[in-house]
Structures are given as C-alpha cells and as structure tokens.
Amino acid sequence: MRTFLFLFAVLFLLAPARNAFFDEKCFKLNGRCVNSCRKNEELVALCQKSLKCCLTLQPCWKSKDD
C-alpha cells in the first residue's frame, strides 16, 4: 500500500517538469517563442501564432563570442 501511495504522489501530485527542448526556437536558435518576455529578456523578433521571440540579456562584460 505504501508503494501505491508513493507512486500516486510522484505521478499525479508533483508538478511536471518543463522540457525546454520542445519549445519553439527563433533568432538563430538563441531565442524562444513565448507569450511574454521575462525581466531579464528582450523582445528581438516576432514568431508565428502571435508569440514574441525573447532573448536573454547578456551582461556587458560577458560575451558569447569569447
């Protein structure tokens, strides 16, 4: 009975993890298409289905090219 309760809690009561692998990508595969951008993101383009392409802001001293 304990095993059943444990499996029930794991499968149904815990929030499912969000898989970012299947999110729609945009802006050279660096951005993601969402309804609204977060505080640390900027709107760089528009996606299909009235979504916004949001790209995470990089601090000035950190460059992805380096």
N, C-alpha and C. Protein backbone atom coordinates (compact mmCIF):
# COMPACT_ATOMS: atom_id res chain seq x y z
N MET A 1 0.82 -1.20 0.00
CA MET A 1 0.00 0.00 0.00
C MET A 1 0.87 1.27 0.00
N ARG A 2 2.00 1.21 0.70
CA ARG A 2 2.90 2.36 0.73
C ARG A 2 3.46 2.64 -0.67
N THR A 3 3.77 1.58 -1.38
CA THR A 3 4.31 1.75 -2.73
C THR A 3 3.29 2.43 -3.62
N PHE A 4 2.04 2.03 -3.51
CA PHE A 4 0.98 2.64 -4.31
C PHE A 4 0.85 4.12 -3.99
N LEU A 5 0.84 4.47 -2.72
CA LEU A 5 0.72 5.88 -2.33
C LEU A 5 1.92 6.70 -2.81
N PHE A 6 3.10 6.12 -2.73
CA PHE A 6 4.29 6.81 -3.20
C PHE A 6 4.22 7.05 -4.71
N LEU A 7 3.86 6.03 -5.46
CA LEU A 7 3.76 6.18 -6.92
C LEU A 7 2.65 7.16 -7.29
N PHE A 8 1.55 7.14 -6.58
CA PHE A 8 0.47 8.09 -6.83
C PHE A 8 0.95 9.52 -6.62
N ALA A 9 1.67 9.75 -5.53
CA ALA A 9 2.18 11.09 -5.24
C ALA A 9 3.18 11.54 -6.30
N VAL A 10 4.05 10.66 -6.72
CA VAL A 10 5.07 11.01 -7.71
C VAL A 10 4.43 11.30 -9.06
N LEU A 11 3.50 10.49 -9.47
CA LEU A 11 2.94 10.61 -10.82
C LEU A 11 1.86 11.68 -10.95
N PHE A 12 1.09 11.94 -9.91
CA PHE A 12 -0.06 12.81 -10.06
C PHE A 12 0.00 14.11 -9.27
N LEU A 13 0.67 14.12 -8.16
CA LEU A 13 0.64 15.30 -7.31
C LEU A 13 1.79 16.26 -7.55
N LEU A 14 2.92 15.76 -8.00
CA LEU A 14 4.06 16.63 -8.26
C LEU A 14 3.87 17.35 -9.59
N ALA A 15 4.32 18.58 -9.64
CA ALA A 15 4.20 19.35 -10.88
C ALA A 15 5.14 18.77 -11.93
N PRO A 16 4.68 18.65 -13.16
CA PRO A 16 5.56 18.11 -14.20
C PRO A 16 6.68 19.09 -14.52
N ALA A 17 7.83 18.55 -14.83
CA ALA A 17 8.97 19.38 -15.21
C ALA A 17 8.77 19.93 -16.61
N ARG A 18 9.22 21.14 -16.83
CA ARG A 18 9.07 21.77 -18.13
C ARG A 18 10.27 21.40 -19.00
N ASN A 19 9.99 20.88 -20.17
CA ASN A 19 11.05 20.47 -21.07
C ASN A 19 11.27 21.57 -22.09
N ALA A 20 12.39 22.25 -22.02
CA ALA A 20 12.68 23.35 -22.92
C ALA A 20 13.15 22.87 -24.29
N PHE A 21 13.38 21.58 -24.43
CA PHE A 21 13.85 21.04 -25.70
C PHE A 21 12.81 21.21 -26.80
N PHE A 22 11.53 21.10 -26.45
CA PHE A 22 10.47 21.15 -27.44
C PHE A 22 9.91 22.56 -27.66
N ASP A 23 10.44 23.56 -26.94
CA ASP A 23 10.00 24.94 -27.16
C ASP A 23 10.41 25.40 -28.55
N GLU A 24 9.60 26.25 -29.13
CA GLU A 24 9.90 26.78 -30.45
C GLU A 24 11.06 27.76 -30.35
N LYS A 25 12.07 27.59 -31.21
CA LYS A 25 13.26 28.44 -31.18
C LYS A 25 13.16 29.50 -32.26
N CYS A 26 13.87 30.61 -32.04
CA CYS A 26 13.88 31.71 -33.00
C CYS A 26 15.20 32.46 -32.88
N PHE A 27 15.42 33.42 -33.73
CA PHE A 27 16.60 34.29 -33.72
C PHE A 27 17.89 33.48 -33.65
N LYS A 28 18.14 32.74 -34.73
CA LYS A 28 19.35 31.91 -34.87
C LYS A 28 19.47 30.87 -33.76
N LEU A 29 18.33 30.33 -33.33
CA LEU A 29 18.22 29.30 -32.30
C LEU A 29 18.69 29.76 -30.92
N ASN A 30 18.84 31.07 -30.71
CA ASN A 30 19.22 31.58 -29.39
C ASN A 30 18.01 32.04 -28.59
N GLY A 31 16.94 32.44 -29.25
CA GLY A 31 15.75 32.93 -28.57
C GLY A 31 14.70 31.84 -28.46
N ARG A 32 13.60 32.19 -27.79
CA ARG A 32 12.49 31.25 -27.66
C ARG A 32 11.18 32.00 -27.84
N CYS A 33 10.20 31.34 -28.41
CA CYS A 33 8.90 31.95 -28.68
C CYS A 33 7.97 31.74 -27.48
N VAL A 34 7.53 32.86 -26.89
CA VAL A 34 6.67 32.81 -25.71
C VAL A 34 5.62 33.91 -25.81
N ASN A 35 4.64 33.86 -24.90
CA ASN A 35 3.60 34.90 -24.86
C ASN A 35 4.15 36.23 -24.38
N SER A 36 5.01 36.21 -23.37
CA SER A 36 5.59 37.45 -22.85
C SER A 36 7.02 37.17 -22.38
N CYS A 37 7.86 38.18 -22.49
CA CYS A 37 9.26 38.05 -22.11
C CYS A 37 9.42 38.23 -20.60
N ARG A 38 10.45 37.61 -20.04
CA ARG A 38 10.76 37.77 -18.62
C ARG A 38 11.52 39.07 -18.40
N LYS A 39 11.82 39.37 -17.13
CA LYS A 39 12.52 40.62 -16.79
C LYS A 39 13.91 40.68 -17.40
N ASN A 40 14.60 39.55 -17.47
CA ASN A 40 15.97 39.54 -17.97
C ASN A 40 16.05 39.21 -19.46
N GLU A 41 14.96 39.39 -20.18
CA GLU A 41 14.92 39.10 -21.62
C GLU A 41 14.46 40.33 -22.39
N GLU A 42 14.83 40.37 -23.66
CA GLU A 42 14.36 41.45 -24.52
C GLU A 42 13.66 40.87 -25.74
N LEU A 43 12.73 41.62 -26.27
CA LEU A 43 11.99 41.24 -27.46
C LEU A 43 12.84 41.55 -28.68
N VAL A 44 13.19 40.52 -29.47
CA VAL A 44 14.06 40.73 -30.63
C VAL A 44 13.35 40.49 -31.95
N ALA A 45 12.24 39.77 -31.94
CA ALA A 45 11.51 39.48 -33.18
C ALA A 45 10.12 38.98 -32.82
N LEU A 46 9.34 38.69 -33.84
CA LEU A 46 8.01 38.11 -33.64
C LEU A 46 7.98 36.72 -34.24
N CYS A 47 7.29 35.82 -33.57
CA CYS A 47 7.14 34.45 -34.03
C CYS A 47 5.74 34.26 -34.62
N GLN A 48 5.47 33.06 -35.07
CA GLN A 48 4.14 32.73 -35.56
C GLN A 48 3.19 32.63 -34.38
N LYS A 49 1.90 32.64 -34.65
CA LYS A 49 0.83 32.50 -33.66
C LYS A 49 0.86 33.61 -32.61
N SER A 50 1.21 34.82 -33.00
CA SER A 50 1.21 35.99 -32.12
C SER A 50 2.13 35.84 -30.91
N LEU A 51 3.22 35.12 -31.06
CA LEU A 51 4.18 34.95 -29.98
C LEU A 51 5.36 35.90 -30.17
N LYS A 52 6.08 36.15 -29.09
CA LYS A 52 7.24 37.04 -29.13
C LYS A 52 8.51 36.21 -29.03
N CYS A 53 9.53 36.62 -29.76
CA CYS A 53 10.83 35.97 -29.70
C CYS A 53 11.65 36.70 -28.64
N CYS A 54 11.92 36.04 -27.53
CA CYS A 54 12.64 36.66 -26.42
C CYS A 54 14.05 36.08 -26.33
N LEU A 55 15.01 36.97 -26.09
CA LEU A 55 16.41 36.60 -26.00
C LEU A 55 16.94 37.08 -24.65
N THR A 56 17.65 36.21 -23.94
CA THR A 56 18.18 36.56 -22.63
C THR A 56 19.27 37.62 -22.78
N LEU A 57 19.19 38.65 -21.95
CA LEU A 57 20.19 39.72 -21.99
C LEU A 57 21.51 39.22 -21.41
N GLN A 58 22.61 39.59 -22.05
CA GLN A 58 23.94 39.24 -21.58
C GLN A 58 24.58 40.46 -20.94
N PRO A 59 25.23 40.31 -19.79
CA PRO A 59 25.94 41.45 -19.20
C PRO A 59 27.03 41.94 -20.14
N CYS A 60 27.40 43.20 -20.00
CA CYS A 60 28.39 43.82 -20.90
C CYS A 60 29.75 43.13 -20.83
N TRP A 61 30.13 42.64 -19.67
CA TRP A 61 31.45 42.05 -19.53
C TRP A 61 31.50 40.59 -19.96
N LYS A 62 30.36 39.99 -20.26
CA LYS A 62 30.34 38.60 -20.72
C LYS A 62 29.86 38.57 -22.16
N SER A 63 30.68 38.03 -23.02
CA SER A 63 30.33 37.93 -24.42
C SER A 63 30.28 36.46 -24.81
N LYS A 64 29.27 36.08 -25.59
CA LYS A 64 29.17 34.69 -26.04
C LYS A 64 30.24 34.35 -27.07
N ASP A 65 30.79 35.35 -27.73
CA ASP A 65 31.78 35.10 -28.78
C ASP A 65 33.12 34.67 -28.20
N ASP A 66 33.41 35.03 -26.96
CA ASP A 66 34.72 34.70 -26.36
C ASP A 66 34.80 33.25 -25.96
